[in-house]
Amino acid sequence: LSDLRELLSCVRDSDALILMYTNSVLTRPWCLLELVAAVQHEVPIIVVRVTNVFAGDVNDVKCILDDLPAYLAEKNPLAEETLRAFGHDALSVGHTLRSAFKA
């Protein structure tokens, strides 16, 4: 990938997406957009928990996705703007990912 504008099409063309699950990954709008692209194009998502001082508990994903708008408002207020630029919002992203992860 040499051009970030091609990121989502690269995800669509991937055999699988590996989510490096850290404490802040779900605050990152580009990571959220990659996950949505994977779900929408039925690209398998492999979750790898990164165990370091920054790693979150995978069980927290359910709580985060249940109220992604509030989570992003607290952790990364500008994330919603990026999501909207690509035709999504935190509520729909949370719903899409929750159904895919069956968290």
Protein backbone atom coordinates (compact mmCIF):
# COMPACT_ATOMS: atom_id res chain seq x y z
CA LEU A 1 0.00 0.00 0.00
CA SER A 2 1.57 3.24 -1.10
CA ASP A 3 -1.53 5.46 -1.14
CA LEU A 4 -3.89 5.56 1.85
CA ARG A 5 -6.78 6.32 -0.50
CA GLU A 6 -6.45 2.74 -1.76
CA LEU A 7 -6.61 1.20 1.71
CA LEU A 8 -10.26 0.13 1.65
CA SER A 9 -10.02 -1.43 -1.80
CA CYS A 10 -6.93 -3.31 -0.61
CA VAL A 11 -8.97 -4.67 2.30
CA ARG A 12 -11.73 -5.76 -0.11
CA ASP A 13 -9.15 -7.64 -2.17
CA SER A 14 -7.55 -9.35 0.83
CA ASP A 15 -7.87 -13.00 1.76
CA ALA A 16 -8.14 -12.05 5.44
CA LEU A 17 -7.75 -9.07 7.75
CA ILE A 18 -5.71 -9.38 10.93
CA LEU A 19 -6.91 -7.12 13.72
CA MET A 20 -4.09 -6.41 16.14
CA TYR A 21 -6.36 -5.88 19.14
CA THR A 22 -4.91 -3.28 21.46
CA ASN A 23 -6.59 -1.01 23.97
CA SER A 24 -7.01 1.85 21.53
CA VAL A 25 -7.57 0.11 18.19
CA LEU A 26 -11.32 0.78 18.25
CA THR A 27 -10.68 4.52 18.63
CA ARG A 28 -8.90 4.66 15.28
CA PRO A 29 -11.28 5.64 12.46
CA TRP A 30 -9.15 4.09 9.72
CA CYS A 31 -9.05 0.79 11.63
CA LEU A 32 -12.83 0.94 12.01
CA LEU A 33 -13.23 1.64 8.28
CA GLU A 34 -10.97 -1.31 7.44
CA LEU A 35 -13.07 -3.58 9.65
CA VAL A 36 -16.31 -2.37 8.06
CA ALA A 37 -14.87 -2.96 4.57
CA ALA A 38 -13.86 -6.47 5.61
CA VAL A 39 -17.33 -7.23 6.99
CA GLN A 40 -19.11 -5.78 3.97
CA HIS A 41 -16.98 -7.81 1.56
CA GLU A 42 -16.95 -10.99 3.65
CA VAL A 43 -13.21 -10.85 4.26
CA PRO A 44 -12.47 -13.00 7.33
CA ILE A 45 -11.21 -11.08 10.36
CA ILE A 46 -8.60 -12.73 12.55
CA VAL A 47 -8.30 -11.09 15.96
CA VAL A 48 -4.88 -11.20 17.58
CA ARG A 49 -4.72 -9.86 21.10
CA VAL A 50 -1.58 -7.88 21.74
CA THR A 51 -0.58 -8.54 25.32
CA ASN A 52 1.32 -5.57 26.58
CA VAL A 53 0.57 -2.73 28.94
CA PHE A 54 -1.65 -1.17 26.27
CA ALA A 55 -3.73 -4.25 25.46
CA GLY A 56 -7.42 -4.27 26.22
CA ASP A 57 -9.58 -7.20 27.17
CA VAL A 58 -11.25 -8.77 24.15
CA ASN A 59 -14.43 -9.04 26.21
CA ASP A 60 -14.53 -5.23 26.27
CA VAL A 61 -15.27 -5.21 22.52
CA LYS A 62 -18.98 -5.90 23.15
CA CYS A 63 -19.31 -2.94 25.49
CA ILE A 64 -17.35 -0.64 23.18
CA LEU A 65 -19.37 -1.55 20.09
CA ASP A 66 -22.67 -1.29 21.97
CA ASP A 67 -22.04 2.44 22.37
CA LEU A 68 -19.28 3.27 19.90
CA PRO A 69 -20.42 6.91 19.52
CA ALA A 70 -19.88 7.60 23.23
CA TYR A 71 -16.61 5.66 23.28
CA LEU A 72 -15.21 7.64 20.36
CA ALA A 73 -16.49 10.93 21.78
CA GLU A 74 -14.42 10.25 24.89
CA LYS A 75 -11.33 8.61 23.35
CA ASN A 76 -11.02 10.20 19.89
CA PRO A 77 -13.53 13.00 19.22
CA LEU A 78 -12.31 13.54 15.64
CA ALA A 79 -12.92 9.92 14.62
CA GLU A 80 -16.58 10.52 13.77
CA GLU A 81 -15.56 13.16 11.21
CA THR A 82 -13.32 10.67 9.41
CA LEU A 83 -16.01 7.99 9.46
CA ARG A 84 -18.56 10.43 8.01
CA ALA A 85 -16.16 11.39 5.22
CA PHE A 86 -16.44 7.78 4.07
CA GLY A 87 -20.22 7.54 4.40
CA HIS A 88 -20.36 5.93 7.84
CA ASP A 89 -21.02 7.03 11.39
CA ALA A 90 -20.03 5.55 14.73
CA LEU A 91 -23.47 4.10 15.39
CA SER A 92 -23.64 2.18 12.10
CA VAL A 93 -20.00 1.08 12.39
CA GLY A 94 -20.65 -0.24 15.90
CA HIS A 95 -23.72 -2.12 14.70
CA THR A 96 -21.93 -3.60 11.67
CA LEU A 97 -18.94 -4.76 13.66
CA ARG A 98 -21.02 -6.08 16.55
CA SER A 99 -22.93 -8.35 14.18
CA ALA A 100 -19.73 -9.57 12.54
CA PHE A 101 -17.85 -10.26 15.75
CA LYS A 102 -20.91 -11.68 17.47
CA ALA A 103 -19.40 -10.08 20.52
